[in-house]
Amino acid sequence: MKHMKTVLILEHTEEVFDKLTCDVCGAESHWDENWSSSEPEKKMTTVQLDEEESFPNGGQSTQTQYHICPSCFQTKLSVWFESHRQSKPTVSKSVW
């Protein structure tokens, strides 16, 4: 779950990112949307539905997200997917 907080900025207020918590277990991320516990690593997990409509004069979009820590992704979500119709993830790797 993405938590927002209201802050005063030059005599006005606006919502800014506060913290990210897992929608399953409540764990808090260490680095904004990065769940890694060390700075050189990056672990990001989000389950998201994007819905868009485009028209000649404009459009609109809606994003629905669940924020899930890597531990819950591996031990709960992946297990759930694999128990239904023996689904397997698509895994991509890269080296730089």
PDB file of N, CA and C in Angstrom:
ATOM      1  N   MET A   1       0.838  -1.163   0.000  1.00  0.00           N
ATOM      2  CA  MET A   1       0.000   0.000   0.000  1.00  0.00           C
ATOM      3  C   MET A   1       0.890   1.234   0.000  1.00  0.00           C
ATOM      4  N   LYS A   2       0.621   2.156  -0.865  1.00  0.00           N
ATOM      5  CA  LYS A   2       1.386   3.379  -0.945  1.00  0.00           C
ATOM      6  C   LYS A   2       0.762   4.381   0.015  1.00  0.00           C
ATOM      7  N   HIS A   3       1.546   4.842   0.986  1.00  0.00           N
ATOM      8  CA  HIS A   3       1.058   5.811   1.965  1.00  0.00           C
ATOM      9  C   HIS A   3       1.505   7.208   1.552  1.00  0.00           C
ATOM     10  N   MET A   4       0.608   8.143   1.627  1.00  0.00           N
ATOM     11  CA  MET A   4       0.915   9.528   1.283  1.00  0.00           C
ATOM     12  C   MET A   4       0.763  10.374   2.548  1.00  0.00           C
ATOM     13  N   LYS A   5       1.437  11.500   2.587  1.00  0.00           N
ATOM     14  CA  LYS A   5       1.273  12.429   3.691  1.00  0.00           C
ATOM     15  C   LYS A   5       1.153  13.825   3.115  1.00  0.00           C
ATOM     16  N   THR A   6       0.478  14.698   3.823  1.00  0.00           N
ATOM     17  CA  THR A   6       0.302  16.074   3.387  1.00  0.00           C
ATOM     18  C   THR A   6       1.380  16.926   4.050  1.00  0.00           C
ATOM     19  N   VAL A   7       2.089  17.710   3.241  1.00  0.00           N
ATOM     20  CA  VAL A   7       3.157  18.561   3.765  1.00  0.00           C
ATOM     21  C   VAL A   7       2.942  20.002   3.293  1.00  0.00           C
ATOM     22  N   LEU A   8       3.467  20.951   4.057  1.00  0.00           N
ATOM     23  CA  LEU A   8       3.392  22.360   3.700  1.00  0.00           C
ATOM     24  C   LEU A   8       4.621  22.720   2.874  1.00  0.00           C
ATOM     25  N   ILE A   9       4.411  23.213   1.661  1.00  0.00           N
ATOM     26  CA  ILE A   9       5.501  23.593   0.781  1.00  0.00           C
ATOM     27  C   ILE A   9       5.245  25.013   0.298  1.00  0.00           C
ATOM     28  N   LEU A  10       6.077  25.949   0.756  1.00  0.00           N
ATOM     29  CA  LEU A  10       5.963  27.349   0.361  1.00  0.00           C
ATOM     30  C   LEU A  10       4.510  27.845   0.410  1.00  0.00           C
ATOM     31  N   GLU A  11       3.929  27.712   1.576  1.00  0.00           N
ATOM     32  CA  GLU A  11       2.589  28.220   1.860  1.00  0.00           C
ATOM     33  C   GLU A  11       1.469  27.484   1.138  1.00  0.00           C
ATOM     34  N   HIS A  12       1.736  26.290   0.661  1.00  0.00           N
ATOM     35  CA  HIS A  12       0.655  25.443   0.163  1.00  0.00           C
ATOM     36  C   HIS A  12       0.941  24.006   0.580  1.00  0.00           C
ATOM     37  N   THR A  13      -0.047  23.172   0.518  1.00  0.00           N
ATOM     38  CA  THR A  13       0.153  21.776   0.881  1.00  0.00           C
ATOM     39  C   THR A  13      -0.044  20.902  -0.350  1.00  0.00           C
ATOM     40  N   GLU A  14       0.624  19.779  -0.337  1.00  0.00           N
ATOM     41  CA  GLU A  14       0.436  18.793  -1.394  1.00  0.00           C
ATOM     42  C   GLU A  14       0.745  17.422  -0.839  1.00  0.00           C
ATOM     43  N   GLU A  15       0.229  16.390  -1.504  1.00  0.00           N
ATOM     44  CA  GLU A  15       0.489  15.020  -1.098  1.00  0.00           C
ATOM     45  C   GLU A  15       1.804  14.557  -1.705  1.00  0.00           C
ATOM     46  N   VAL A  16       2.661  13.973  -0.868  1.00  0.00           N
ATOM     47  CA  VAL A  16       3.936  13.446  -1.311  1.00  0.00           C
ATOM     48  C   VAL A  16       4.082  12.021  -0.782  1.00  0.00           C
ATOM     49  N   PHE A  17       4.958  11.246  -1.403  1.00  0.00           N
ATOM     50  CA  PHE A  17       5.198   9.870  -0.989  1.00  0.00           C
ATOM     51  C   PHE A  17       5.705   9.839   0.444  1.00  0.00           C
ATOM     52  N   ASP A  18       5.142   8.971   1.268  1.00  0.00           N
ATOM     53  CA  ASP A  18       5.573   8.825   2.650  1.00  0.00           C
ATOM     54  C   ASP A  18       6.290   7.491   2.851  1.00  0.00           C
ATOM     55  N   LYS A  19       5.599   6.399   2.542  1.00  0.00           N
ATOM     56  CA  LYS A  19       6.205   5.080   2.701  1.00  0.00           C
ATOM     57  C   LYS A  19       5.395   4.068   1.901  1.00  0.00           C
ATOM     58  N   LEU A  20       5.967   2.882   1.731  1.00  0.00           N
ATOM     59  CA  LEU A  20       5.304   1.807   1.010  1.00  0.00           C
ATOM     60  C   LEU A  20       5.228   0.602   1.937  1.00  0.00           C
ATOM     61  N   THR A  21       4.033   0.037   2.052  1.00  0.00           N
ATOM     62  CA  THR A  21       3.865  -1.158   2.872  1.00  0.00           C
ATOM     63  C   THR A  21       3.242  -2.267   2.034  1.00  0.00           C
ATOM     64  N   CYS A  22       3.560  -3.504   2.400  1.00  0.00           N
ATOM     65  CA  CYS A  22       3.035  -4.674   1.706  1.00  0.00           C
ATOM     66  C   CYS A  22       1.551  -4.814   2.023  1.00  0.00           C
ATOM     67  N   ASP A  23       0.733  -4.981   0.993  1.00  0.00           N
ATOM     68  CA  ASP A  23      -0.704  -5.155   1.181  1.00  0.00           C
ATOM     69  C   ASP A  23      -1.048  -6.521   1.772  1.00  0.00           C
ATOM     70  N   VAL A  24      -0.091  -7.439   1.814  1.00  0.00           N
ATOM     71  CA  VAL A  24      -0.347  -8.769   2.357  1.00  0.00           C
ATOM     72  C   VAL A  24       0.079  -8.853   3.824  1.00  0.00           C
ATOM     73  N   CYS A  25       1.341  -8.509   4.119  1.00  0.00           N
ATOM     74  CA  CYS A  25       1.864  -8.700   5.485  1.00  0.00           C
ATOM     75  C   CYS A  25       2.110  -7.394   6.241  1.00  0.00           C
ATOM     76  N   GLY A  26       2.083  -6.255   5.548  1.00  0.00           N
ATOM     77  CA  GLY A  26       2.295  -4.970   6.211  1.00  0.00           C
ATOM     78  C   GLY A  26       3.751  -4.547   6.328  1.00  0.00           C
ATOM     79  N   ALA A  27       4.684  -5.352   5.807  1.00  0.00           N
ATOM     80  CA  ALA A  27       6.110  -4.984   5.869  1.00  0.00           C
ATOM     81  C   ALA A  27       6.320  -3.651   5.168  1.00  0.00           C
ATOM     82  N   GLU A  28       7.293  -2.874   5.652  1.00  0.00           N
ATOM     83  CA  GLU A  28       7.591  -1.562   5.078  1.00  0.00           C
ATOM     84  C   GLU A  28       8.854  -1.621   4.237  1.00  0.00           C
ATOM     85  N   SER A  29       8.811  -0.980   3.062  1.00  0.00           N
ATOM     86  CA  SER A  29       9.995  -0.952   2.205  1.00  0.00           C
ATOM     87  C   SER A  29      11.055  -0.038   2.808  1.00  0.00           C
ATOM     88  N   HIS A  30      12.290  -0.258   2.391  1.00  0.00           N
ATOM     89  CA  HIS A  30      13.400   0.542   2.909  1.00  0.00           C
ATOM     90  C   HIS A  30      13.688   1.771   2.045  1.00  0.00           C
ATOM     91  N   TRP A  31      13.398   1.689   0.742  1.00  0.00           N
ATOM     92  CA  TRP A  31      13.789   2.739  -0.198  1.00  0.00           C
ATOM     93  C   TRP A  31      12.623   3.050  -1.127  1.00  0.00           C
ATOM     94  N   ASP A  32      11.709   3.843  -0.725  1.00  0.00           N
ATOM     95  CA  ASP A  32      10.553   4.195  -1.554  1.00  0.00           C
ATOM     96  C   ASP A  32       9.884   2.925  -2.082  1.00  0.00           C
ATOM     97  N   GLU A  33       9.900   2.715  -3.406  1.00  0.00           N
ATOM     98  CA  GLU A  33       9.255   1.530  -3.962  1.00  0.00           C
ATOM     99  C   GLU A  33      10.220   0.368  -4.162  1.00  0.00           C
ATOM    100  N   ASN A  34      11.433   0.504  -3.638  1.00  0.00           N
ATOM    101  CA  ASN A  34      12.440  -0.553  -3.712  1.00  0.00           C
ATOM    102  C   ASN A  34      12.423  -1.310  -2.385  1.00  0.00           C
ATOM    103  N   TRP A  35      12.173  -2.616  -2.443  1.00  0.00           N
ATOM    104  CA  TRP A  35      12.075  -3.438  -1.236  1.00  0.00           C
ATOM    105  C   TRP A  35      13.432  -3.935  -0.755  1.00  0.00           C
ATOM    106  N   SER A  36      14.506  -3.685  -1.487  1.00  0.00           N
ATOM    107  CA  SER A  36      15.820  -4.192  -1.111  1.00  0.00           C
ATOM    108  C   SER A  36      16.278  -3.577   0.211  1.00  0.00           C
ATOM    109  N   SER A  37      17.070  -4.342   0.957  1.00  0.00           N
ATOM    110  CA  SER A  37      17.593  -3.823   2.226  1.00  0.00           C
ATOM    111  C   SER A  37      18.973  -3.205   2.070  1.00  0.00           C
ATOM    112  N   SER A  38      19.568  -3.309   0.879  1.00  0.00           N
ATOM    113  CA  SER A  38      20.868  -2.673   0.656  1.00  0.00           C
ATOM    114  C   SER A  38      20.808  -1.809  -0.595  1.00  0.00           C
ATOM    115  N   GLU A  39      21.520  -0.700  -0.577  1.00  0.00           N
ATOM    116  CA  GLU A  39      21.409   0.316  -1.623  1.00  0.00           C
ATOM    117  C   GLU A  39      21.752  -0.139  -3.041  1.00  0.00           C
ATOM    118  N   PRO A  40      22.784  -0.966  -3.263  1.00  0.00           N
ATOM    119  CA  PRO A  40      23.079  -1.315  -4.662  1.00  0.00           C
ATOM    120  C   PRO A  40      22.074  -2.281  -5.288  1.00  0.00           C
ATOM    121  N   GLU A  41      21.201  -2.888  -4.483  1.00  0.00           N
ATOM    122  CA  GLU A  41      20.219  -3.834  -5.007  1.00  0.00           C
ATOM    123  C   GLU A  41      18.898  -3.134  -5.286  1.00  0.00           C
ATOM    124  N   LYS A  42      18.125  -3.738  -6.165  1.00  0.00           N
ATOM    125  CA  LYS A  42      16.804  -3.208  -6.474  1.00  0.00           C
ATOM    126  C   LYS A  42      15.824  -4.373  -6.539  1.00  0.00           C
ATOM    127  N   LYS A  43      14.788  -4.322  -5.724  1.00  0.00           N
ATOM    128  CA  LYS A  43      13.727  -5.330  -5.730  1.00  0.00           C
ATOM    129  C   LYS A  43      12.398  -4.592  -5.733  1.00  0.00           C
ATOM    130  N   MET A  44      11.695  -4.676  -6.854  1.00  0.00           N
ATOM    131  CA  MET A  44      10.415  -3.983  -6.980  1.00  0.00           C
ATOM    132  C   MET A  44       9.354  -4.996  -7.395  1.00  0.00           C
ATOM    133  N   THR A  45       8.241  -5.013  -6.686  1.00  0.00           N
ATOM    134  CA  THR A  45       7.139  -5.909  -7.017  1.00  0.00           C
ATOM    135  C   THR A  45       5.837  -5.127  -6.964  1.00  0.00           C
ATOM    136  N   THR A  46       5.046  -5.236  -8.009  1.00  0.00           N
ATOM    137  CA  THR A  46       3.734  -4.606  -8.058  1.00  0.00           C
ATOM    138  C   THR A  46       2.831  -5.444  -8.946  1.00  0.00           C
ATOM    139  N   VAL A  47       1.635  -5.671  -8.487  1.00  0.00           N
ATOM    140  CA  VAL A  47       0.626  -6.288  -9.323  1.00  0.00           C
ATOM    141  C   VAL A  47      -0.289  -5.147  -9.746  1.00  0.00           C
ATOM    142  N   GLN A  48      -0.399  -4.919 -11.052  1.00  0.00           N
ATOM    143  CA  GLN A  48      -1.086  -3.716 -11.532  1.00  0.00           C
ATOM    144  C   GLN A  48      -1.988  -4.021 -12.715  1.00  0.00           C
ATOM    145  N   LEU A  49      -3.147  -3.381 -12.718  1.00  0.00           N
ATOM    146  CA  LEU A  49      -4.070  -3.416 -13.844  1.00  0.00           C
ATOM    147  C   LEU A  49      -4.108  -2.015 -14.435  1.00  0.00           C
ATOM    148  N   ASP A  50      -3.769  -1.879 -15.731  1.00  0.00           N
ATOM    149  CA  ASP A  50      -3.863  -0.600 -16.445  1.00  0.00           C
ATOM    150  C   ASP A  50      -5.076  -0.650 -17.350  1.00  0.00           C
ATOM    151  N   GLU A  51      -5.939   0.339 -17.240  1.00  0.00           N
ATOM    152  CA  GLU A  51      -7.106   0.451 -18.107  1.00  0.00           C
ATOM    153  C   GLU A  51      -7.050   1.813 -18.786  1.00  0.00           C
ATOM    154  N   GLU A  52      -7.077   1.818 -20.107  1.00  0.00           N
ATOM    155  CA  GLU A  52      -6.968   3.069 -20.864  1.00  0.00           C
ATOM    156  C   GLU A  52      -8.049   3.154 -21.921  1.00  0.00           C
ATOM    157  N   GLU A  53      -8.497   4.377 -22.165  1.00  0.00           N
ATOM    158  CA  GLU A  53      -9.404   4.680 -23.268  1.00  0.00           C
ATOM    159  C   GLU A  53      -8.817   5.867 -24.011  1.00  0.00           C
ATOM    160  N   SER A  54      -8.688   5.742 -25.327  1.00  0.00           N
ATOM    161  CA  SER A  54      -8.152   6.826 -26.147  1.00  0.00           C
ATOM    162  C   SER A  54      -9.187   7.250 -27.173  1.00  0.00           C
ATOM    163  N   PHE A  55      -9.373   8.538 -27.270  1.00  0.00           N
ATOM    164  CA  PHE A  55     -10.289   9.137 -28.228  1.00  0.00           C
ATOM    165  C   PHE A  55      -9.530  10.206 -29.006  1.00  0.00           C
ATOM    166  N   PRO A  56     -10.043  10.659 -30.152  1.00  0.00           N
ATOM    167  CA  PRO A  56      -9.333  11.683 -30.924  1.00  0.00           C
ATOM    168  C   PRO A  56      -9.047  12.964 -30.125  1.00  0.00           C
ATOM    169  N   ASN A  57      -9.902  13.301 -29.170  1.00  0.00           N
ATOM    170  CA  ASN A  57      -9.710  14.558 -28.426  1.00  0.00           C
ATOM    171  C   ASN A  57      -9.179  14.334 -27.013  1.00  0.00           C
ATOM    172  N   GLY A  58      -8.654  13.164 -26.718  1.00  0.00           N
ATOM    173  CA  GLY A  58      -8.095  12.912 -25.390  1.00  0.00           C
ATOM    174  C   GLY A  58      -8.396  11.501 -24.929  1.00  0.00           C
ATOM    175  N   GLY A  59      -8.159  11.258 -23.687  1.00  0.00           N
ATOM    176  CA  GLY A  59      -8.409   9.933 -23.158  1.00  0.00           C
ATOM    177  C   GLY A  59      -8.320   9.921 -21.649  1.00  0.00           C
ATOM    178  N   GLN A  60      -8.359   8.739 -21.111  1.00  0.00           N
ATOM    179  CA  GLN A  60      -8.257   8.593 -19.664  1.00  0.00           C
ATOM    180  C   GLN A  60      -7.646   7.241 -19.353  1.00  0.00           C
ATOM    181  N   SER A  61      -7.067   7.138 -18.163  1.00  0.00           N
ATOM    182  CA  SER A  61      -6.509   5.861 -17.735  1.00  0.00           C
ATOM    183  C   SER A  61      -6.749   5.688 -16.246  1.00  0.00           C
ATOM    184  N   THR A  62      -6.822   4.449 -15.841  1.00  0.00           N
ATOM    185  CA  THR A  62      -6.962   4.084 -14.435  1.00  0.00           C
ATOM    186  C   THR A  62      -5.960   2.980 -14.149  1.00  0.00           C
ATOM    187  N   GLN A  63      -5.210   3.130 -13.072  1.00  0.00           N
ATOM    188  CA  GLN A  63      -4.267   2.107 -12.639  1.00  0.00           C
ATOM    189  C   GLN A  63      -4.721   1.607 -11.265  1.00  0.00           C
ATOM    190  N   THR A  64      -4.832   0.298 -11.132  1.00  0.00           N
ATOM    191  CA  THR A  64      -5.166  -0.332  -9.856  1.00  0.00           C
ATOM    192  C   THR A  64      -3.968  -1.181  -9.463  1.00  0.00           C
ATOM    193  N   GLN A  65      -3.416  -0.930  -8.262  1.00  0.00           N
ATOM    194  CA  GLN A  65      -2.178  -1.597  -7.858  1.00  0.00           C
ATOM    195  C   GLN A  65      -2.322  -2.276  -6.504  1.00  0.00           C
ATOM    196  N   TYR A  66      -1.634  -3.395  -6.364  1.00  0.00           N
ATOM    197  CA  TYR A  66      -1.387  -4.017  -5.073  1.00  0.00           C
ATOM    198  C   TYR A  66       0.121  -4.041  -4.904  1.00  0.00           C
ATOM    199  N   HIS A  67       0.606  -3.567  -3.778  1.00  0.00           N
ATOM    200  CA  HIS A  67       2.043  -3.555  -3.495  1.00  0.00           C
ATOM    201  C   HIS A  67       2.353  -4.757  -2.613  1.00  0.00           C
ATOM    202  N   ILE A  68       3.257  -5.603  -3.094  1.00  0.00           N
ATOM    203  CA  ILE A  68       3.558  -6.860  -2.425  1.00  0.00           C
ATOM    204  C   ILE A  68       5.066  -6.970  -2.240  1.00  0.00           C
ATOM    205  N   CYS A  69       5.497  -7.227  -1.009  1.00  0.00           N
ATOM    206  CA  CYS A  69       6.936  -7.372  -0.756  1.00  0.00           C
ATOM    207  C   CYS A  69       7.437  -8.642  -1.447  1.00  0.00           C
ATOM    208  N   PRO A  70       8.737  -8.719  -1.741  1.00  0.00           N
ATOM    209  CA  PRO A  70       9.280  -9.890  -2.420  1.00  0.00           C
ATOM    210  C   PRO A  70       9.013 -11.203  -1.677  1.00  0.00           C
ATOM    211  N   SER A  71       9.036 -11.164  -0.360  1.00  0.00           N
ATOM    212  CA  SER A  71       8.778 -12.380   0.402  1.00  0.00           C
ATOM    213  C   SER A  71       7.363 -12.894   0.169  1.00  0.00           C
ATOM    214  N   CYS A  72       6.359 -12.019   0.246  1.00  0.00           N
ATOM    215  CA  CYS A  72       4.970 -12.431  -0.003  1.00  0.00           C
ATOM    216  C   CYS A  72       4.765 -12.801  -1.468  1.00  0.00           C
ATOM    217  N   PHE A  73       5.474 -12.126  -2.377  1.00  0.00           N
ATOM    218  CA  PHE A  73       5.389 -12.473  -3.793  1.00  0.00           C
ATOM    219  C   PHE A  73       5.809 -13.926  -4.002  1.00  0.00           C
ATOM    220  N   GLN A  74       6.941 -14.310  -3.364  1.00  0.00           N
ATOM    221  CA  GLN A  74       7.492 -15.652  -3.555  1.00  0.00           C
ATOM    222  C   GLN A  74       6.739 -16.719  -2.761  1.00  0.00           C
ATOM    223  N   THR A  75       6.354 -16.405  -1.523  1.00  0.00           N
ATOM    224  CA  THR A  75       5.778 -17.437  -0.656  1.00  0.00           C
ATOM    225  C   THR A  75       4.252 -17.495  -0.699  1.00  0.00           C
ATOM    226  N   LYS A  76       3.611 -16.451  -1.184  1.00  0.00           N
ATOM    227  CA  LYS A  76       2.145 -16.451  -1.209  1.00  0.00           C
ATOM    228  C   LYS A  76       1.582 -16.319  -2.628  1.00  0.00           C
ATOM    229  N   LEU A  77       1.930 -15.247  -3.325  1.00  0.00           N
ATOM    230  CA  LEU A  77       1.349 -15.007  -4.646  1.00  0.00           C
ATOM    231  C   LEU A  77       1.807 -16.060  -5.661  1.00  0.00           C
ATOM    232  N   SER A  78       3.097 -16.320  -5.715  1.00  0.00           N
ATOM    233  CA  SER A  78       3.608 -17.333  -6.664  1.00  0.00           C
ATOM    234  C   SER A  78       3.030 -18.706  -6.361  1.00  0.00           C
ATOM    235  N   VAL A  79       2.952 -19.041  -5.085  1.00  0.00           N
ATOM    236  CA  VAL A  79       2.391 -20.335  -4.687  1.00  0.00           C
ATOM    237  C   VAL A  79       0.929 -20.419  -5.122  1.00  0.00           C
ATOM    238  N   TRP A  80       0.183 -19.339  -4.944  1.00  0.00           N
ATOM    239  CA  TRP A  80      -1.225 -19.315  -5.358  1.00  0.00           C
ATOM    240  C   TRP A  80      -1.349 -19.507  -6.867  1.00  0.00           C
ATOM    241  N   PHE A  81      -0.562 -18.755  -7.649  1.00  0.00           N
ATOM    242  CA  PHE A  81      -0.606 -18.903  -9.106  1.00  0.00           C
ATOM    243  C   PHE A  81      -0.264 -20.332  -9.530  1.00  0.00           C
ATOM    244  N   GLU A  82       0.801 -20.879  -8.961  1.00  0.00           N
ATOM    245  CA  GLU A  82       1.255 -22.206  -9.369  1.00  0.00           C
ATOM    246  C   GLU A  82       0.296 -23.312  -8.927  1.00  0.00           C
ATOM    247  N   SER A  83      -0.524 -23.063  -7.900  1.00  0.00           N
ATOM    248  CA  SER A  83      -1.490 -24.062  -7.462  1.00  0.00           C
ATOM    249  C   SER A  83      -2.745 -24.063  -8.337  1.00  0.00           C
ATOM    250  N   HIS A  84      -2.933 -23.015  -9.120  1.00  0.00           N
ATOM    251  CA  HIS A  84      -4.069 -22.918 -10.030  1.00  0.00           C
ATOM    252  C   HIS A  84      -3.585 -23.181 -11.457  1.00  0.00           C
ATOM    253  N   ARG A  85      -3.956 -24.309 -12.003  1.00  0.00           N
ATOM    254  CA  ARG A  85      -3.633 -24.675 -13.380  1.00  0.00           C
ATOM    255  C   ARG A  85      -2.128 -24.772 -13.625  1.00  0.00           C
ATOM    256  N   GLN A  86      -1.359 -25.006 -12.598  1.00  0.00           N
ATOM    257  CA  GLN A  86       0.102 -25.170 -12.704  1.00  0.00           C
ATOM    258  C   GLN A  86       0.756 -24.017 -13.487  1.00  0.00           C
ATOM    259  N   SER A  87       0.327 -22.805 -13.218  1.00  0.00           N
ATOM    260  CA  SER A  87       0.891 -21.626 -13.879  1.00  0.00           C
ATOM    261  C   SER A  87       2.353 -21.456 -13.504  1.00  0.00           C
ATOM    262  N   LYS A  88       3.148 -20.998 -14.448  1.00  0.00           N
ATOM    263  CA  LYS A  88       4.563 -20.714 -14.223  1.00  0.00           C
ATOM    264  C   LYS A  88       4.849 -19.288 -14.637  1.00  0.00           C
ATOM    265  N   PRO A  89       5.740 -18.599 -13.932  1.00  0.00           N
ATOM    266  CA  PRO A  89       6.033 -17.211 -14.296  1.00  0.00           C
ATOM    267  C   PRO A  89       6.890 -17.107 -15.545  1.00  0.00           C
ATOM    268  N   THR A  90       6.840 -15.970 -16.185  1.00  0.00           N
ATOM    269  CA  THR A  90       7.776 -15.641 -17.247  1.00  0.00           C
ATOM    270  C   THR A  90       8.954 -14.947 -16.570  1.00  0.00           C
ATOM    271  N   VAL A  91      10.146 -15.503 -16.719  1.00  0.00           N
ATOM    272  CA  VAL A  91      11.331 -14.957 -16.082  1.00  0.00           C
ATOM    273  C   VAL A  91      12.266 -14.432 -17.156  1.00  0.00           C
ATOM    274  N   SER A  92      12.670 -13.180 -17.030  1.00  0.00           N
ATOM    275  CA  SER A  92      13.613 -12.564 -17.962  1.00  0.00           C
ATOM    276  C   SER A  92      14.834 -12.137 -17.175  1.00  0.00           C
ATOM    277  N   LYS A  93      16.007 -12.293 -17.750  1.00  0.00           N
ATOM    278  CA  LYS A  93      17.253 -11.902 -17.094  1.00  0.00           C
ATOM    279  C   LYS A  93      18.038 -10.993 -18.023  1.00  0.00           C
ATOM    280  N   SER A  94      18.845 -10.126 -17.426  1.00  0.00           N
ATOM    281  CA  SER A  94      19.729  -9.280 -18.227  1.00  0.00           C
ATOM    282  C   SER A  94      21.036  -9.068 -17.477  1.00  0.00           C
ATOM    283  N   VAL A  95      22.066  -8.792 -18.218  1.00  0.00           N
ATOM    284  CA  VAL A  95      23.390  -8.520 -17.661  1.00  0.00           C
ATOM    285  C   VAL A  95      23.876  -7.225 -18.279  1.00  0.00           C
ATOM    286  N   TRP A  96      24.486  -6.364 -17.470  1.00  0.00           N
ATOM    287  CA  TRP A  96      25.040  -5.121 -18.015  1.00  0.00           C
ATOM    288  C   TRP A  96      26.383  -4.846 -17.435  1.00  0.00           C
TER     289      TRP A  96
END
